[in-house]
């Protein structure tokens, strides 16, 4: 959730930071994700857009869209997980936490698909029992409409494809 040496995004005073300061931290976040991918000892990349939640709530979410330099960083990260056989998690928590979108959002998930990404997982990020499985069915249908035919599940780190 955090960049080395910097507090978690949830504690940053985003409204007091310049665009350049925020973008520097954002690019470091994606660079550290890339380092994690290079290490590669995991199955699913989750929270790729974690900082977006806090930036959007502070009215600064437009800084992270795919129209700016973030696209290059995302492309590097997404191509790396595709090459390593690491799946991308679509997290439904943003739908019930005021963002109005999954994390990552539709645009980034479509970009992943365009790059050849096929391994995708869905998580509800339930921190309490009432959120277990929240919005999974709707998100699965949305992924199908984006061209995904399967969802990836893991057992003992072995992927199993589940038809949608």
N, C-alpha and C. Protein backbone atom coordinates (compact mmCIF):
# COMPACT_ATOMS: atom_id res chain seq x y z
N UNK A 1 0.79 -1.21 0.00
CA UNK A 1 0.00 0.00 0.00
C UNK A 1 0.83 1.27 0.00
N UNK A 2 2.07 1.18 0.35
CA UNK A 2 2.83 2.41 0.52
C UNK A 2 4.15 2.35 -0.24
N UNK A 3 4.69 3.51 -0.49
CA UNK A 3 6.00 3.65 -1.09
C UNK A 3 7.02 3.63 0.04
N UNK A 4 8.13 2.95 -0.19
CA UNK A 4 9.17 2.89 0.85
C UNK A 4 9.55 4.30 1.32
N UNK A 5 9.54 4.47 2.63
CA UNK A 5 9.95 5.74 3.22
C UNK A 5 8.88 6.82 3.24
N UNK A 6 7.68 6.50 2.78
CA UNK A 6 6.59 7.47 2.76
C UNK A 6 5.38 6.82 3.43
N UNK A 7 4.64 7.60 4.20
CA UNK A 7 3.47 7.04 4.88
C UNK A 7 2.45 6.55 3.86
N UNK A 8 1.56 5.69 4.30
CA UNK A 8 0.49 5.18 3.44
C UNK A 8 -0.31 6.35 2.86
N UNK A 9 -0.80 6.17 1.65
CA UNK A 9 -1.59 7.21 0.99
C UNK A 9 -2.73 7.71 1.86
N UNK A 10 -3.31 6.85 2.67
CA UNK A 10 -4.45 7.26 3.50
C UNK A 10 -4.06 8.33 4.52
N UNK A 11 -2.76 8.49 4.78
CA UNK A 11 -2.30 9.48 5.75
C UNK A 11 -1.69 10.72 5.10
N UNK A 12 -1.50 10.70 3.79
CA UNK A 12 -0.92 11.86 3.11
C UNK A 12 -1.90 13.03 3.13
N UNK A 13 -1.37 14.23 3.22
CA UNK A 13 -2.19 15.44 3.13
C UNK A 13 -2.22 15.86 1.66
N UNK A 14 -3.01 15.13 0.89
CA UNK A 14 -3.02 15.26 -0.56
C UNK A 14 -3.39 16.67 -1.00
N UNK A 15 -4.31 17.31 -0.31
CA UNK A 15 -4.72 18.67 -0.68
C UNK A 15 -3.63 19.70 -0.47
N UNK A 16 -2.62 19.37 0.32
CA UNK A 16 -1.52 20.29 0.56
C UNK A 16 -0.32 20.03 -0.35
N UNK A 17 -0.42 19.02 -1.20
CA UNK A 17 0.69 18.64 -2.06
C UNK A 17 0.50 19.20 -3.47
N UNK A 18 1.61 19.50 -4.12
CA UNK A 18 1.54 19.95 -5.51
C UNK A 18 1.31 18.74 -6.42
N UNK A 19 0.87 19.03 -7.63
CA UNK A 19 0.70 17.95 -8.61
C UNK A 19 2.01 17.20 -8.82
N UNK A 20 3.11 17.94 -8.90
CA UNK A 20 4.42 17.30 -9.11
C UNK A 20 4.77 16.36 -7.96
N UNK A 21 4.51 16.79 -6.72
CA UNK A 21 4.80 15.93 -5.57
C UNK A 21 3.96 14.65 -5.62
N UNK A 22 2.68 14.80 -5.92
CA UNK A 22 1.80 13.63 -6.00
C UNK A 22 2.24 12.68 -7.10
N UNK A 23 2.58 13.24 -8.25
CA UNK A 23 2.97 12.39 -9.38
C UNK A 23 4.31 11.70 -9.11
N UNK A 24 5.21 12.37 -8.44
CA UNK A 24 6.48 11.72 -8.08
C UNK A 24 6.23 10.49 -7.21
N UNK A 25 5.36 10.63 -6.21
CA UNK A 25 5.03 9.50 -5.34
C UNK A 25 4.30 8.41 -6.14
N UNK A 26 3.40 8.82 -7.01
CA UNK A 26 2.65 7.87 -7.83
C UNK A 26 3.59 7.05 -8.70
N UNK A 27 4.53 7.72 -9.37
CA UNK A 27 5.46 6.99 -10.23
C UNK A 27 6.37 6.08 -9.42
N UNK A 28 6.73 6.51 -8.22
CA UNK A 28 7.51 5.62 -7.34
C UNK A 28 6.69 4.40 -6.95
N UNK A 29 5.41 4.61 -6.68
CA UNK A 29 4.52 3.50 -6.34
C UNK A 29 4.51 2.47 -7.47
N UNK A 30 4.31 2.94 -8.70
CA UNK A 30 4.28 2.02 -9.84
C UNK A 30 5.66 1.39 -10.08
N UNK A 31 6.72 2.15 -9.86
CA UNK A 31 8.07 1.58 -10.01
C UNK A 31 8.32 0.47 -8.99
N UNK A 32 7.84 0.66 -7.77
CA UNK A 32 8.00 -0.38 -6.75
C UNK A 32 7.13 -1.59 -7.05
N UNK A 33 5.96 -1.36 -7.64
CA UNK A 33 5.16 -2.50 -8.10
C UNK A 33 5.93 -3.28 -9.16
N UNK A 34 6.59 -2.55 -10.06
CA UNK A 34 7.39 -3.21 -11.11
C UNK A 34 8.51 -4.04 -10.48
N UNK A 35 9.16 -3.52 -9.44
CA UNK A 35 10.19 -4.29 -8.73
C UNK A 35 9.59 -5.57 -8.14
N UNK A 36 8.41 -5.45 -7.58
CA UNK A 36 7.72 -6.61 -7.02
C UNK A 36 7.45 -7.65 -8.11
N UNK A 37 7.02 -7.19 -9.26
CA UNK A 37 6.77 -8.10 -10.38
C UNK A 37 8.06 -8.78 -10.82
N UNK A 38 9.14 -8.02 -10.88
CA UNK A 38 10.44 -8.60 -11.26
C UNK A 38 10.84 -9.70 -10.28
N UNK A 39 10.55 -9.51 -8.99
CA UNK A 39 10.78 -10.54 -7.98
C UNK A 39 9.90 -11.74 -8.29
N UNK A 40 8.60 -11.50 -8.50
CA UNK A 40 7.70 -12.48 -9.06
C UNK A 40 7.18 -13.61 -8.21
N UNK A 41 7.42 -13.61 -6.92
CA UNK A 41 7.00 -14.75 -6.10
C UNK A 41 5.59 -14.56 -5.55
N UNK A 42 4.64 -14.29 -6.44
CA UNK A 42 3.23 -14.14 -6.07
C UNK A 42 2.38 -14.43 -7.31
N UNK A 43 1.09 -14.61 -7.11
CA UNK A 43 0.20 -15.04 -8.20
C UNK A 43 -0.66 -13.93 -8.77
N UNK A 44 -1.08 -13.00 -7.94
CA UNK A 44 -2.04 -11.97 -8.37
C UNK A 44 -1.56 -10.60 -7.93
N UNK A 45 -1.59 -9.65 -8.85
CA UNK A 45 -1.27 -8.26 -8.53
C UNK A 45 -2.55 -7.55 -8.14
N UNK A 46 -2.62 -7.14 -6.90
CA UNK A 46 -3.79 -6.42 -6.38
C UNK A 46 -3.38 -4.99 -6.05
N UNK A 47 -4.34 -4.13 -5.92
CA UNK A 47 -4.14 -2.75 -5.47
C UNK A 47 -3.26 -1.93 -6.40
N UNK A 48 -3.31 -2.21 -7.70
CA UNK A 48 -2.50 -1.45 -8.64
C UNK A 48 -2.89 0.03 -8.64
N UNK A 49 -4.15 0.33 -8.33
CA UNK A 49 -4.59 1.73 -8.30
C UNK A 49 -4.99 2.18 -6.89
N UNK A 50 -4.42 1.56 -5.89
CA UNK A 50 -4.74 1.91 -4.50
C UNK A 50 -4.68 3.42 -4.23
N UNK A 51 -3.65 4.14 -4.67
CA UNK A 51 -3.58 5.57 -4.38
C UNK A 51 -4.74 6.37 -4.97
N UNK A 52 -5.34 5.86 -6.04
CA UNK A 52 -6.43 6.57 -6.70
C UNK A 52 -7.57 6.89 -5.74
N UNK A 53 -7.88 5.94 -4.87
CA UNK A 53 -8.97 6.14 -3.90
C UNK A 53 -8.78 7.45 -3.13
N UNK A 54 -7.60 7.66 -2.61
CA UNK A 54 -7.34 8.83 -1.77
C UNK A 54 -7.19 10.10 -2.60
N UNK A 55 -6.64 9.96 -3.79
CA UNK A 55 -6.51 11.13 -4.65
C UNK A 55 -7.89 11.58 -5.15
N UNK A 56 -8.76 10.63 -5.48
CA UNK A 56 -10.10 11.00 -5.94
C UNK A 56 -10.89 11.66 -4.81
N UNK A 57 -10.83 11.09 -3.61
CA UNK A 57 -11.55 11.68 -2.49
C UNK A 57 -11.08 13.10 -2.21
N UNK A 58 -9.82 13.39 -2.54
CA UNK A 58 -9.27 14.74 -2.34
C UNK A 58 -9.49 15.62 -3.57
N UNK A 59 -10.22 15.11 -4.57
CA UNK A 59 -10.49 15.89 -5.77
C UNK A 59 -9.34 15.94 -6.75
N UNK A 60 -8.40 14.99 -6.65
CA UNK A 60 -7.21 15.01 -7.50
C UNK A 60 -7.09 13.76 -8.37
N UNK A 61 -8.16 12.98 -8.50
CA UNK A 61 -8.12 11.72 -9.22
C UNK A 61 -7.75 11.82 -10.68
N UNK A 62 -8.02 12.98 -11.30
CA UNK A 62 -7.72 13.14 -12.73
C UNK A 62 -6.23 13.02 -13.02
N UNK A 63 -5.40 13.17 -12.02
CA UNK A 63 -3.95 13.06 -12.23
C UNK A 63 -3.53 11.66 -12.63
N UNK A 64 -4.35 10.66 -12.30
CA UNK A 64 -3.94 9.27 -12.54
C UNK A 64 -4.60 8.64 -13.76
N UNK A 65 -5.17 9.45 -14.65
CA UNK A 65 -5.82 8.82 -15.80
C UNK A 65 -4.79 8.37 -16.83
N UNK A 66 -5.26 7.62 -17.80
CA UNK A 66 -4.36 7.03 -18.80
C UNK A 66 -3.96 8.01 -19.90
N UNK A 67 -4.38 9.25 -19.79
CA UNK A 67 -4.04 10.23 -20.81
C UNK A 67 -2.71 10.93 -20.52
N UNK A 68 -2.18 10.74 -19.35
CA UNK A 68 -0.90 11.37 -19.03
C UNK A 68 0.20 10.31 -19.00
N UNK A 69 1.31 10.65 -18.40
CA UNK A 69 2.46 9.74 -18.38
C UNK A 69 2.17 8.43 -17.65
N UNK A 70 1.11 8.40 -16.84
CA UNK A 70 0.75 7.16 -16.14
C UNK A 70 0.55 6.00 -17.11
N UNK A 71 0.11 6.30 -18.32
CA UNK A 71 -0.13 5.24 -19.32
C UNK A 71 1.15 4.43 -19.56
N UNK A 72 2.28 5.12 -19.71
CA UNK A 72 3.56 4.42 -19.94
C UNK A 72 3.90 3.52 -18.75
N UNK A 73 3.73 4.03 -17.56
CA UNK A 73 4.03 3.24 -16.36
C UNK A 73 3.10 2.04 -16.25
N UNK A 74 1.80 2.27 -16.48
CA UNK A 74 0.85 1.17 -16.45
C UNK A 74 1.18 0.13 -17.51
N UNK A 75 1.54 0.60 -18.70
CA UNK A 75 1.87 -0.34 -19.77
C UNK A 75 3.03 -1.23 -19.37
N UNK A 76 4.07 -0.64 -18.78
CA UNK A 76 5.22 -1.44 -18.31
C UNK A 76 4.79 -2.47 -17.28
N UNK A 77 3.98 -2.05 -16.32
CA UNK A 77 3.52 -2.95 -15.26
C UNK A 77 2.65 -4.07 -15.84
N UNK A 78 1.70 -3.70 -16.68
CA UNK A 78 0.78 -4.69 -17.23
C UNK A 78 1.48 -5.68 -18.15
N UNK A 79 2.39 -5.19 -18.98
CA UNK A 79 3.15 -6.10 -19.85
C UNK A 79 4.00 -7.06 -19.01
N UNK A 80 4.54 -6.56 -17.91
CA UNK A 80 5.38 -7.40 -17.04
C UNK A 80 4.55 -8.52 -16.40
N UNK A 81 3.34 -8.21 -15.91
CA UNK A 81 2.55 -9.29 -15.30
C UNK A 81 2.09 -10.29 -16.35
N UNK A 82 1.80 -9.81 -17.54
CA UNK A 82 1.41 -10.72 -18.62
C UNK A 82 2.56 -11.68 -18.92
N UNK A 83 3.76 -11.12 -19.05
CA UNK A 83 4.94 -11.95 -19.36
C UNK A 83 5.22 -12.97 -18.26
N UNK A 84 5.03 -12.57 -17.00
CA UNK A 84 5.34 -13.45 -15.87
C UNK A 84 4.20 -14.42 -15.52
N UNK A 85 3.05 -14.27 -16.17
CA UNK A 85 1.92 -15.14 -15.85
C UNK A 85 1.27 -14.80 -14.52
N UNK A 86 1.35 -13.54 -14.14
CA UNK A 86 0.73 -13.05 -12.90
C UNK A 86 -0.62 -12.45 -13.27
N UNK A 87 -1.65 -12.78 -12.52
CA UNK A 87 -2.98 -12.26 -12.83
C UNK A 87 -3.17 -10.86 -12.25
N UNK A 88 -4.14 -10.16 -12.81
CA UNK A 88 -4.53 -8.83 -12.34
C UNK A 88 -5.82 -8.97 -11.54
N UNK A 89 -5.82 -8.44 -10.33
CA UNK A 89 -7.05 -8.46 -9.53
C UNK A 89 -7.91 -7.24 -9.84
N UNK A 90 -9.20 -7.49 -10.03
CA UNK A 90 -10.19 -6.43 -10.07
C UNK A 90 -10.88 -6.46 -8.71
N UNK A 91 -10.75 -5.37 -7.98
CA UNK A 91 -11.22 -5.27 -6.61
C UNK A 91 -12.54 -4.49 -6.59
N UNK A 92 -13.58 -5.08 -6.04
CA UNK A 92 -14.90 -4.45 -6.07
C UNK A 92 -15.13 -3.44 -4.94
N UNK A 93 -14.19 -3.26 -4.05
CA UNK A 93 -14.43 -2.41 -2.88
C UNK A 93 -14.76 -0.97 -3.24
N UNK A 94 -14.23 -0.47 -4.32
CA UNK A 94 -14.51 0.91 -4.72
C UNK A 94 -15.98 1.15 -5.04
N UNK A 95 -16.69 0.10 -5.43
CA UNK A 95 -18.11 0.24 -5.74
C UNK A 95 -18.93 0.53 -4.50
N UNK A 96 -18.48 0.10 -3.35
CA UNK A 96 -19.25 0.33 -2.12
C UNK A 96 -18.58 1.34 -1.19
N UNK A 97 -17.44 1.89 -1.62
CA UNK A 97 -16.73 2.85 -0.77
C UNK A 97 -16.70 4.25 -1.38
N UNK A 98 -17.66 4.55 -2.22
CA UNK A 98 -17.80 5.91 -2.72
C UNK A 98 -17.04 6.26 -3.98
N UNK A 99 -16.28 5.33 -4.55
CA UNK A 99 -15.56 5.63 -5.79
C UNK A 99 -16.44 5.47 -7.02
N UNK A 100 -17.41 4.58 -6.92
CA UNK A 100 -18.29 4.32 -8.05
C UNK A 100 -17.66 3.47 -9.14
N UNK A 101 -16.53 2.84 -8.82
CA UNK A 101 -15.84 2.00 -9.80
C UNK A 101 -15.05 0.91 -9.08
N UNK A 102 -14.71 -0.12 -9.83
CA UNK A 102 -13.79 -1.13 -9.30
C UNK A 102 -12.39 -0.54 -9.33
N UNK A 103 -11.47 -1.24 -8.69
CA UNK A 103 -10.06 -0.84 -8.75
C UNK A 103 -9.26 -2.04 -9.23
N UNK A 104 -8.61 -1.96 -10.36
CA UNK A 104 -8.62 -0.81 -11.27
C UNK A 104 -9.98 -0.65 -11.95
N UNK A 105 -10.17 0.53 -12.52
CA UNK A 105 -11.41 0.84 -13.22
C UNK A 105 -11.44 0.22 -14.61
N UNK A 106 -12.57 0.41 -15.27
CA UNK A 106 -12.80 -0.20 -16.58
C UNK A 106 -11.73 0.15 -17.60
N UNK A 107 -11.33 1.40 -17.65
CA UNK A 107 -10.36 1.83 -18.66
C UNK A 107 -9.05 1.05 -18.54
N UNK A 108 -8.56 0.89 -17.34
CA UNK A 108 -7.29 0.18 -17.15
C UNK A 108 -7.46 -1.32 -17.39
N UNK A 109 -8.59 -1.88 -17.01
CA UNK A 109 -8.84 -3.31 -17.26
C UNK A 109 -8.92 -3.56 -18.77
N UNK A 110 -9.58 -2.66 -19.49
CA UNK A 110 -9.63 -2.80 -20.95
C UNK A 110 -8.22 -2.68 -21.56
N UNK A 111 -7.42 -1.77 -21.05
CA UNK A 111 -6.05 -1.61 -21.52
C UNK A 111 -5.26 -2.90 -21.30
N UNK A 112 -5.41 -3.50 -20.14
CA UNK A 112 -4.78 -4.79 -19.84
C UNK A 112 -5.20 -5.83 -20.88
N UNK A 113 -6.48 -5.89 -21.19
CA UNK A 113 -7.00 -6.85 -22.17
C UNK A 113 -6.42 -6.57 -23.55
N UNK A 114 -6.36 -5.28 -23.94
CA UNK A 114 -5.79 -4.90 -25.24
C UNK A 114 -4.33 -5.33 -25.36
N UNK A 115 -3.61 -5.30 -24.26
CA UNK A 115 -2.20 -5.70 -24.26
C UNK A 115 -2.03 -7.22 -24.30
N UNK A 116 -3.13 -7.95 -24.22
CA UNK A 116 -3.08 -9.41 -24.26
C UNK A 116 -3.31 -10.07 -22.92
N UNK A 117 -3.66 -9.29 -21.90
CA UNK A 117 -3.90 -9.85 -20.58
C UNK A 117 -5.13 -10.74 -20.55
N UNK A 118 -4.98 -11.91 -19.97
CA UNK A 118 -6.08 -12.87 -19.87
C UNK A 118 -6.32 -13.34 -18.44
N UNK A 119 -5.27 -13.35 -17.62
CA UNK A 119 -5.41 -13.85 -16.25
C UNK A 119 -5.98 -12.75 -15.37
N UNK A 120 -7.18 -12.99 -14.86
CA UNK A 120 -7.85 -11.97 -14.06
C UNK A 120 -8.54 -12.62 -12.87
N UNK A 121 -8.41 -12.00 -11.72
CA UNK A 121 -9.11 -12.46 -10.52
C UNK A 121 -10.04 -11.34 -10.07
N UNK A 122 -11.01 -11.70 -9.25
CA UNK A 122 -11.93 -10.71 -8.69
C UNK A 122 -11.91 -10.88 -7.18
N UNK A 123 -11.79 -9.77 -6.47
CA UNK A 123 -11.82 -9.80 -5.02
C UNK A 123 -12.75 -8.73 -4.49
N UNK A 124 -13.40 -9.02 -3.38
CA UNK A 124 -14.30 -8.03 -2.77
C UNK A 124 -13.60 -7.22 -1.68
N UNK A 125 -12.38 -7.59 -1.33
CA UNK A 125 -11.61 -6.89 -0.30
C UNK A 125 -12.45 -6.70 0.96
N UNK A 126 -13.10 -7.78 1.37
CA UNK A 126 -14.00 -7.73 2.51
C UNK A 126 -13.22 -7.61 3.81
N UNK A 127 -13.48 -6.53 4.51
CA UNK A 127 -12.89 -6.34 5.83
C UNK A 127 -13.92 -6.65 6.91
N UNK A 128 -15.12 -7.03 6.48
CA UNK A 128 -16.14 -7.53 7.40
C UNK A 128 -17.03 -8.52 6.65
N UNK A 129 -17.71 -9.36 7.39
CA UNK A 129 -18.46 -10.48 6.80
C UNK A 129 -19.52 -10.03 5.80
N UNK A 130 -20.14 -8.90 6.03
CA UNK A 130 -21.22 -8.48 5.13
C UNK A 130 -20.72 -8.10 3.74
N UNK A 131 -19.42 -7.89 3.58
CA UNK A 131 -18.86 -7.52 2.28
C UNK A 131 -18.28 -8.69 1.50
N UNK A 132 -18.30 -9.88 2.07
CA UNK A 132 -17.75 -11.05 1.38
C UNK A 132 -18.54 -11.28 0.09
N UNK A 133 -17.84 -11.28 -1.02
CA UNK A 133 -18.45 -11.52 -2.32
C UNK A 133 -19.24 -10.36 -2.90
N UNK A 134 -19.17 -9.20 -2.27
CA UNK A 134 -19.95 -8.05 -2.73
C UNK A 134 -19.57 -7.66 -4.15
N UNK A 135 -20.56 -7.51 -4.99
CA UNK A 135 -20.44 -7.04 -6.37
C UNK A 135 -19.65 -7.96 -7.29
N UNK A 136 -19.41 -9.19 -6.87
CA UNK A 136 -18.65 -10.14 -7.70
C UNK A 136 -19.44 -10.50 -8.96
N UNK A 137 -20.72 -10.79 -8.84
CA UNK A 137 -21.52 -11.21 -10.00
C UNK A 137 -21.57 -10.11 -11.07
N UNK A 138 -21.85 -8.88 -10.66
CA UNK A 138 -21.90 -7.77 -11.62
C UNK A 138 -20.55 -7.53 -12.27
N UNK A 139 -19.50 -7.62 -11.49
CA UNK A 139 -18.16 -7.41 -12.02
C UNK A 139 -17.78 -8.52 -12.99
N UNK A 140 -18.16 -9.74 -12.68
CA UNK A 140 -17.90 -10.86 -13.59
C UNK A 140 -18.59 -10.62 -14.93
N UNK A 141 -19.82 -10.18 -14.90
CA UNK A 141 -20.56 -9.91 -16.14
C UNK A 141 -19.89 -8.78 -16.92
N UNK A 142 -19.45 -7.76 -16.22
CA UNK A 142 -18.76 -6.64 -16.88
C UNK A 142 -17.48 -7.13 -17.55
N UNK A 143 -16.73 -7.99 -16.87
CA UNK A 143 -15.49 -8.53 -17.45
C UNK A 143 -15.79 -9.35 -18.70
N UNK A 144 -16.87 -10.10 -18.66
CA UNK A 144 -17.27 -10.88 -19.84
C UNK A 144 -17.54 -9.95 -21.01
N UNK A 145 -18.21 -8.85 -20.75
CA UNK A 145 -18.50 -7.86 -21.80
C UNK A 145 -17.24 -7.19 -22.33
N UNK A 146 -16.16 -7.21 -21.55
CA UNK A 146 -14.88 -6.65 -21.99
C UNK A 146 -14.05 -7.65 -22.78
N UNK A 147 -14.53 -8.89 -22.88
CA UNK A 147 -13.80 -9.88 -23.66
C UNK A 147 -13.10 -10.96 -22.86
N UNK A 148 -13.27 -10.94 -21.55
CA UNK A 148 -12.70 -12.01 -20.73
C UNK A 148 -13.68 -13.18 -20.73
N UNK A 149 -13.18 -14.37 -20.98
CA UNK A 149 -14.03 -15.56 -21.01
C UNK A 149 -13.86 -16.42 -19.77
N UNK A 150 -12.82 -16.12 -18.99
CA UNK A 150 -12.51 -16.92 -17.81
C UNK A 150 -12.03 -16.03 -16.67
N UNK A 151 -12.26 -16.51 -15.47
CA UNK A 151 -11.71 -15.90 -14.25
C UNK A 151 -10.67 -16.88 -13.73
N UNK A 152 -9.59 -16.36 -13.20
CA UNK A 152 -8.53 -17.21 -12.67
C UNK A 152 -8.74 -17.41 -11.17
N UNK A 153 -8.65 -18.66 -10.74
CA UNK A 153 -8.66 -19.01 -9.32
C UNK A 153 -7.37 -19.76 -9.04
N UNK A 154 -6.95 -19.74 -7.80
CA UNK A 154 -5.70 -20.42 -7.43
C UNK A 154 -5.95 -21.40 -6.29
N UNK A 155 -5.26 -22.52 -6.37
CA UNK A 155 -5.22 -23.47 -5.26
C UNK A 155 -3.77 -23.92 -5.16
N UNK A 156 -3.18 -23.70 -4.00
CA UNK A 156 -1.76 -24.01 -3.80
C UNK A 156 -0.90 -23.35 -4.88
N UNK A 157 -1.25 -22.12 -5.21
CA UNK A 157 -0.55 -21.29 -6.19
C UNK A 157 -0.65 -21.80 -7.62
N UNK A 158 -1.49 -22.77 -7.86
CA UNK A 158 -1.70 -23.28 -9.21
C UNK A 158 -2.97 -22.63 -9.76
N UNK A 159 -2.89 -22.03 -10.97
CA UNK A 159 -4.07 -21.37 -11.53
C UNK A 159 -5.08 -22.37 -12.10
N UNK A 160 -6.34 -22.07 -11.87
CA UNK A 160 -7.45 -22.82 -12.45
C UNK A 160 -8.35 -21.81 -13.13
N UNK A 161 -8.68 -22.07 -14.37
CA UNK A 161 -9.53 -21.16 -15.12
C UNK A 161 -10.99 -21.58 -14.95
N UNK A 162 -11.83 -20.60 -14.64
CA UNK A 162 -13.26 -20.82 -14.46
C UNK A 162 -13.98 -20.06 -15.56
N UNK A 163 -14.72 -20.77 -16.37
CA UNK A 163 -15.47 -20.13 -17.46
C UNK A 163 -16.49 -19.15 -16.89
N UNK A 164 -16.65 -18.05 -17.58
CA UNK A 164 -17.67 -17.06 -17.20
C UNK A 164 -18.96 -17.43 -17.92
